[in-house]
Protein backbone atom coordinates (compact mmCIF):
# COMPACT_ATOMS: atom_id res chain seq x y z
CA MET A 1 121.03 -84.81 -158.12
CA THR A 2 118.99 -87.63 -156.58
CA THR A 3 115.22 -87.27 -156.81
CA GLN A 4 113.36 -88.10 -153.61
CA SER A 5 110.79 -90.82 -154.22
CA LYS A 6 107.25 -90.62 -152.88
CA LEU A 7 108.07 -93.36 -150.43
CA ASP A 8 111.08 -91.40 -149.19
CA LYS A 9 108.81 -88.39 -148.70
CA LEU A 10 106.40 -90.56 -146.71
CA ARG A 11 109.18 -91.80 -144.45
CA ALA A 12 110.62 -88.30 -144.02
CA LYS A 13 107.24 -86.96 -142.94
CA MET A 14 105.95 -89.79 -140.75
CA ALA A 15 108.81 -91.96 -139.50
CA THR A 16 109.48 -92.02 -135.77
CA THR A 17 112.59 -90.12 -134.74
CA ASP A 18 114.47 -89.64 -131.47
CA GLU A 19 113.18 -86.07 -131.40
CA ARG A 20 109.55 -87.09 -131.86
CA ILE A 21 109.54 -89.68 -129.10
CA LYS A 22 111.98 -88.10 -126.64
CA ASN A 23 109.16 -87.10 -124.26
CA PHE A 24 107.29 -90.41 -124.41
CA GLU A 25 106.97 -91.88 -120.94
CA ASP A 26 106.47 -95.31 -119.41
CA VAL A 27 103.17 -95.99 -117.67
CA GLU A 28 102.61 -93.32 -115.00
CA PHE A 29 99.47 -93.34 -112.88
CA THR A 30 98.05 -89.95 -112.01
CA TYR A 31 95.08 -91.17 -109.98
CA GLY A 32 94.98 -94.45 -108.08
CA THR A 33 95.21 -97.43 -110.41
CA LEU A 34 92.75 -95.98 -112.95
CA ILE A 35 94.04 -92.85 -114.70
CA VAL A 36 97.25 -93.15 -116.74
CA LYS A 37 99.12 -90.04 -117.85
CA GLY A 38 99.10 -89.57 -121.61
CA HIS A 39 96.27 -92.03 -122.27
CA SER A 40 92.87 -91.62 -123.93
CA ILE A 41 90.25 -92.73 -121.41
CA PHE A 42 86.49 -93.10 -121.64
CA ILE A 43 84.47 -93.28 -118.41
CA ALA A 44 80.91 -94.44 -119.03
CA ALA A 45 78.00 -94.45 -116.56
CA PRO A 46 74.20 -94.53 -116.66
CA PRO A 47 72.36 -91.17 -116.34
CA ASN A 48 72.87 -89.66 -112.86
CA GLY A 49 75.35 -92.43 -112.15
CA GLY A 50 77.87 -90.16 -110.42
CA LYS A 51 80.60 -89.80 -113.05
CA THR A 52 80.64 -85.98 -112.92
CA THR A 53 80.61 -85.92 -109.12
CA LEU A 54 83.44 -88.44 -108.97
CA MET A 55 85.48 -86.48 -111.49
CA MET A 56 84.82 -83.05 -109.98
CA ARG A 57 85.07 -83.88 -106.29
CA GLU A 58 87.63 -86.68 -106.16
CA ILE A 59 89.78 -87.10 -109.27
CA ILE A 60 90.34 -83.48 -110.36
CA PRO A 61 91.49 -82.22 -106.93
CA HIS A 62 94.07 -85.03 -106.88
CA LEU A 63 95.27 -84.25 -110.41
CA VAL A 64 95.64 -80.55 -109.58
CA LYS A 65 96.90 -80.52 -105.99
CA VAL A 66 98.92 -83.75 -105.83
CA GLN A 67 100.03 -84.34 -109.42
CA LYS A 68 100.35 -80.62 -110.22
CA LEU A 69 98.69 -81.05 -113.62
CA SER A 70 96.77 -78.42 -115.56
CA VAL A 71 93.17 -79.60 -115.89
CA ASN A 72 90.82 -78.29 -118.58
CA TYR A 73 87.22 -79.34 -117.93
CA ILE A 74 85.13 -78.67 -121.04
CA ASP A 75 81.49 -78.89 -120.01
CA MET A 76 78.72 -79.21 -122.59
CA ASP A 77 76.25 -80.91 -120.25
CA ALA A 78 75.63 -78.71 -117.20
CA SER A 79 72.53 -76.68 -116.40
CA GLN A 80 72.72 -73.00 -115.46
CA SER A 81 72.84 -73.69 -111.72
CA GLN A 82 75.37 -76.48 -112.17
CA THR A 83 77.57 -74.24 -114.31
CA LYS A 84 77.65 -71.59 -111.57
CA GLU A 85 78.46 -74.19 -108.91
CA ASN A 86 81.19 -75.76 -111.06
CA HIS A 87 82.68 -72.33 -111.77
CA LEU A 88 83.04 -71.64 -108.04
CA TRP A 89 84.47 -75.10 -107.42
CA ALA A 90 87.03 -74.63 -110.21
CA LYS A 91 88.18 -71.35 -108.63
CA GLU A 92 88.56 -73.07 -105.26
CA ILE A 93 90.48 -76.08 -106.56
CA GLY A 94 92.45 -74.33 -109.30
CA PHE A 95 91.42 -75.91 -112.60
CA HIS A 96 90.16 -74.43 -115.86
CA TYR A 97 86.40 -74.75 -116.26
CA LEU A 98 85.23 -74.07 -119.82
CA SER A 99 81.59 -73.72 -120.85
CA PRO A 100 81.51 -73.33 -124.65
CA LEU A 101 77.75 -72.79 -124.67
CA LEU A 102 78.15 -69.53 -122.73
CA SER A 103 80.12 -68.12 -125.67
CA ASP A 104 77.73 -69.49 -128.31
CA SER A 105 80.29 -72.15 -129.23
CA ASP A 106 79.82 -75.86 -129.83
CA GLY A 107 81.88 -79.03 -129.80
CA ASN A 108 83.29 -78.38 -133.26
CA ASP A 109 84.57 -74.97 -132.15
CA VAL A 110 86.34 -76.57 -129.20
CA ILE A 111 88.04 -79.12 -131.44
CA ASP A 112 89.06 -76.39 -133.89
CA PHE A 113 90.71 -74.38 -131.09
CA ILE A 114 92.58 -77.40 -129.75
CA ASN A 115 93.68 -78.39 -133.26
CA GLU A 116 95.35 -74.98 -133.52
CA VAL A 117 97.27 -75.83 -130.36
CA LEU A 118 98.31 -79.15 -131.90
CA LYS A 119 99.72 -77.31 -134.90
CA SER A 120 102.01 -75.30 -132.61
CA ASP A 121 105.08 -76.33 -130.62
CA GLU A 122 103.31 -75.68 -127.32
CA ASP A 123 104.15 -78.22 -124.59
CA ILE A 124 100.92 -79.90 -123.47
CA SER A 125 102.46 -82.89 -121.68
CA ASP A 126 101.07 -81.74 -118.31
CA GLU A 127 97.63 -80.88 -119.65
CA VAL A 128 94.50 -82.90 -118.92
CA PHE A 129 91.47 -82.45 -121.18
CA ILE A 130 88.13 -83.64 -119.80
CA PHE A 131 85.22 -83.66 -122.24
CA ASP A 132 81.73 -83.78 -120.68
CA THR A 133 79.94 -85.35 -122.37
CA ALA A 134 81.79 -86.98 -125.25
CA LYS A 135 78.74 -87.21 -127.50
CA GLN A 136 78.71 -83.41 -127.77
CA PHE A 137 81.94 -83.63 -129.77
CA TYR A 138 80.92 -86.28 -132.29
CA SER A 139 77.77 -87.91 -133.62
CA VAL A 140 76.93 -91.09 -131.68
CA MET A 141 75.14 -92.57 -134.68
CA GLU A 142 77.78 -91.78 -137.30
CA LYS A 143 80.72 -94.19 -137.37
CA GLY A 144 82.88 -91.82 -139.40
CA SER A 145 82.36 -89.01 -136.92
CA ALA A 146 83.39 -91.17 -133.97
CA LYS A 147 86.53 -92.33 -135.76
CA VAL A 148 87.57 -88.74 -136.47
CA TYR A 149 87.01 -87.85 -132.80
CA GLY A 150 88.98 -90.89 -131.64
CA GLN A 151 91.88 -89.82 -133.85
CA PHE A 152 91.65 -86.28 -132.42
CA CYS A 153 91.98 -87.70 -128.89
CA ARG A 154 94.92 -89.84 -130.02
CA ARG A 155 96.76 -86.81 -131.46
CA LEU A 156 96.45 -85.13 -128.06
CA THR A 157 97.92 -88.14 -126.25
CA LEU A 158 100.79 -88.42 -128.73
CA ARG A 159 101.74 -84.91 -127.66
CA GLY A 160 101.71 -86.07 -124.02
CA ALA A 161 98.30 -84.80 -122.93
CA THR A 162 95.84 -86.91 -120.96
CA VAL A 163 92.31 -87.15 -122.38
CA ILE A 164 89.29 -88.17 -120.29
CA ASN A 165 85.89 -88.48 -121.92
CA LEU A 166 82.78 -88.75 -119.78
CA CYS A 167 80.01 -90.58 -121.58
CA HIS A 168 76.72 -92.35 -121.06
CA THR A 169 75.69 -95.96 -120.98
CA ASN A 170 72.24 -97.27 -121.67
CA LYS A 171 69.87 -96.76 -118.76
CA TYR A 172 69.42 -100.44 -117.99
CA ALA A 173 72.04 -103.14 -117.47
CA ASP A 174 72.31 -106.14 -119.79
CA LYS A 175 71.55 -109.72 -118.75
CA GLU A 176 75.01 -110.06 -117.22
CA GLY A 177 74.53 -106.94 -115.10
CA PHE A 178 76.76 -104.61 -117.13
CA TYR A 179 75.70 -101.23 -118.44
CA VAL A 180 76.24 -100.96 -122.19
CA PHE A 181 78.44 -98.15 -123.50
CA GLU A 182 76.36 -95.71 -125.54
CA GLY A 183 78.84 -95.27 -128.37
CA VAL A 184 80.25 -96.92 -131.45
CA GLY A 185 82.93 -99.53 -131.97
CA ASP A 186 85.55 -97.09 -133.25
CA LEU A 187 85.70 -95.25 -129.94
CA LYS A 188 86.15 -98.48 -128.01
CA ASN A 189 88.90 -99.49 -130.41
CA ASP A 190 90.68 -96.14 -130.46
CA CYS A 191 90.78 -95.40 -126.73
CA ASP A 192 93.38 -96.79 -124.33
CA GLU A 193 90.97 -97.50 -121.50
CA LEU A 194 87.20 -97.91 -121.27
CA LEU A 195 85.97 -97.70 -117.68
CA ASN A 196 82.40 -98.52 -116.68
CA LEU A 197 80.95 -96.90 -113.56
CA HIS A 198 78.39 -99.08 -111.75
CA PRO A 199 76.39 -97.12 -109.14
CA LYS A 200 74.38 -98.78 -106.37
CA PHE A 201 72.14 -96.77 -104.03
CA ASP A 202 72.19 -97.80 -100.37
CA SER A 203 68.85 -96.61 -99.00
CA GLN A 204 69.72 -97.46 -95.40
CA LYS A 205 72.88 -95.36 -95.37
CA ASN A 206 71.48 -92.83 -97.88
CA LEU A 207 74.59 -92.95 -100.03
CA ILE A 208 75.84 -94.31 -103.35
CA GLN A 209 78.48 -96.97 -103.84
CA ALA A 210 80.06 -96.77 -107.27
CA THR A 211 82.45 -99.38 -108.62
CA ILE A 212 84.58 -98.68 -111.68
CA ILE A 213 84.93 -101.79 -113.82
CA VAL A 214 87.79 -101.89 -116.33
CA GLN A 215 86.29 -103.04 -119.64
CA LYS A 216 89.32 -102.29 -121.81
CA LYS A 217 92.88 -101.50 -120.83
CA ARG A 218 96.35 -101.00 -122.25
CA ALA A 219 97.96 -100.96 -118.83
CA PHE A 220 97.42 -103.02 -115.70
CA LEU A 221 94.44 -101.22 -114.17
CA GLN A 222 92.36 -102.45 -111.24
CA PRO A 223 88.72 -101.83 -110.26
CA MET A 224 88.04 -99.29 -107.51
CA THR A 225 84.94 -98.74 -105.41
CA PHE A 226 83.90 -95.33 -104.07
CA GLU A 227 81.26 -94.23 -101.63
CA PHE A 228 79.67 -90.78 -101.67
CA ASN A 229 76.81 -89.15 -99.78
CA LYS A 230 74.33 -86.42 -100.67
CA GLU A 231 76.90 -83.77 -99.65
CA ARG A 232 79.19 -85.37 -102.28
CA ASN A 233 81.87 -86.34 -99.81
CA ILE A 234 83.75 -89.24 -101.42
CA ARG A 235 85.97 -91.96 -100.02
CA ILE A 236 87.64 -94.99 -101.53
CA ILE A 237 86.30 -98.15 -99.91
CA GLU A 238 88.00 -100.81 -102.03
CA GLN A 239 91.12 -101.06 -104.13
CA THR A 240 92.16 -104.61 -104.93
CA GLN A 241 95.87 -103.91 -105.40
CA SER A 242 98.22 -101.21 -104.22
CA LEU A 243 99.60 -98.62 -106.60
CA GLU A 244 103.09 -100.08 -106.13
CA GLU A 245 101.85 -103.54 -107.16
CA ILE A 246 100.21 -102.10 -110.26
CA LYS A 247 103.36 -100.14 -111.17
CA ASN A 248 105.37 -103.37 -110.96
CA LEU A 249 102.89 -105.16 -113.21
CA ASN A 250 103.22 -102.43 -115.81
CA ARG A 251 107.01 -102.53 -115.56
CA ASP A 252 106.95 -106.26 -116.30
CA LYS A 253 104.03 -106.18 -118.75
CA SER A 254 106.02 -107.25 -121.83
CA ILE A 255 107.61 -110.31 -120.25
CA ILE A 256 104.35 -111.36 -118.54
CA GLU A 257 102.58 -111.27 -121.90
CA ALA A 258 105.44 -113.23 -123.49
CA ILE A 259 105.18 -115.92 -120.79
CA HIS A 260 101.43 -116.21 -121.35
CA THR A 261 101.97 -116.51 -125.11
CA VAL A 262 104.61 -119.24 -124.75
CA LEU A 263 102.53 -121.18 -122.22
CA PHE A 264 99.30 -120.97 -124.19
CA SER A 265 98.11 -124.60 -124.48
CA ASN A 266 101.61 -125.72 -123.35
CA GLN A 267 103.21 -127.04 -120.19
CA LEU A 268 106.93 -126.37 -119.97
CA ASN A 269 109.56 -126.97 -117.36
CA GLU A 270 111.45 -123.95 -116.13
CA SER A 271 114.58 -124.59 -118.21
CA GLU A 272 112.59 -124.93 -121.46
CA LEU A 273 110.57 -121.81 -120.71
CA ILE A 274 113.66 -119.75 -119.89
CA GLU A 275 115.45 -120.81 -123.09
CA ILE A 276 112.48 -119.83 -125.26
CA LEU A 277 112.14 -116.45 -123.55
CA LYS A 278 115.88 -115.80 -123.81
CA GLU A 279 115.56 -116.25 -127.59
CA LYS A 280 112.93 -113.48 -127.49
CA GLY A 281 115.47 -111.15 -125.86
CA PHE A 282 114.58 -111.39 -122.17
CA PRO A 283 117.47 -111.78 -119.67
CA ARG A 284 117.57 -114.98 -117.63
CA ARG A 285 117.65 -113.13 -114.31
CA LYS A 286 114.56 -111.09 -115.20
CA ILE A 287 112.66 -114.20 -116.34
CA LYS A 288 113.32 -116.00 -113.07
CA ARG A 289 112.39 -112.92 -111.03
CA VAL A 290 109.06 -112.49 -112.82
CA LEU A 291 108.19 -116.19 -112.54
CA GLU A 292 108.79 -115.99 -108.79
CA GLU A 293 107.12 -112.60 -108.17
CA TYR A 294 103.77 -113.35 -109.86
CA PRO A 295 102.74 -116.90 -108.85
CA GLU A 296 99.08 -115.89 -109.17
CA LEU A 297 99.47 -115.44 -112.96
CA TRP A 298 100.39 -119.05 -113.78
CA THR A 299 100.23 -122.54 -112.36
CA LEU A 300 103.33 -124.23 -110.95
CA ASN A 301 103.47 -127.99 -110.50
CA ARG A 302 106.34 -130.32 -109.68
CA GLY A 303 107.61 -132.87 -112.19
CA GLN A 304 110.29 -135.54 -112.15
CA HIS A 305 113.27 -134.83 -109.89
CA ASN A 306 111.24 -131.96 -108.35
CA SER A 307 111.49 -129.90 -111.57
CA LYS A 308 109.21 -126.85 -111.94
CA ILE A 309 106.45 -127.24 -114.56
CA TYR A 310 104.63 -124.05 -115.62
CA SER A 311 101.26 -123.66 -117.32
CA ILE A 312 98.71 -120.86 -117.49
CA LYS A 313 95.55 -120.74 -115.44
CA LEU A 314 92.40 -121.27 -117.49
């Protein structure tokens, strides 16, 4: 009888299998070019910057009514009047609005409940968990606490769920005009996307323009600008690329990154570039298609005998 080694036990417990990854999906946007299904996302904004309004009035209705996802909004930040208003809005739109404080619960209780779900075989691939605000579920000042929370969010996404954390930035922008995320490095490292909401009040029109800047991404996301008035009516006023363009970029992400790597500090003619990429496993036809479809991602010059010379834009 063969004795199973400790390393064999490790592999048996943790190795990827067809069964474990059968429900993993390619990049799928669930809202515009910002929210990716199955990702861990942090949306940061200064106090009263509009992140809750944007989420409640614009993003959640789309997730529920268009994408047909089950949204769980876990609110640890609302006042009594806000809680009542959000409750009525949730009934109208059709999402689950949870207020742990009303049941004398805290962030740790919420995590404990969800961890029980993670221990089960329950399908949560169409679930969206929104935590408002994130700092109620970990200690901002304790690095270890943030890492544990980041891993908790990752476990949810590995089961197919989408996680959106609303969080604060410092009140004032830095010298470059960016608001600084009020968190710790582990959360930035562990999340898939970190989005920064930049509000600007237009006193003449009596409305707010809010631009979402993508500070960190693991998919091809693009900034979006929204406009909302005091009645909280919201409209998109700028989106730099169409959803179809972004989907194509994500489809070709691996070969685009390979081209950038090969061309880093190099200039190569098309034949040389194709041969190198073919050695990395990319088909010739796909290489030529990508080189032609994304001229904005690299520089093309003409060499001897009108040959194509590629380099990257610096």
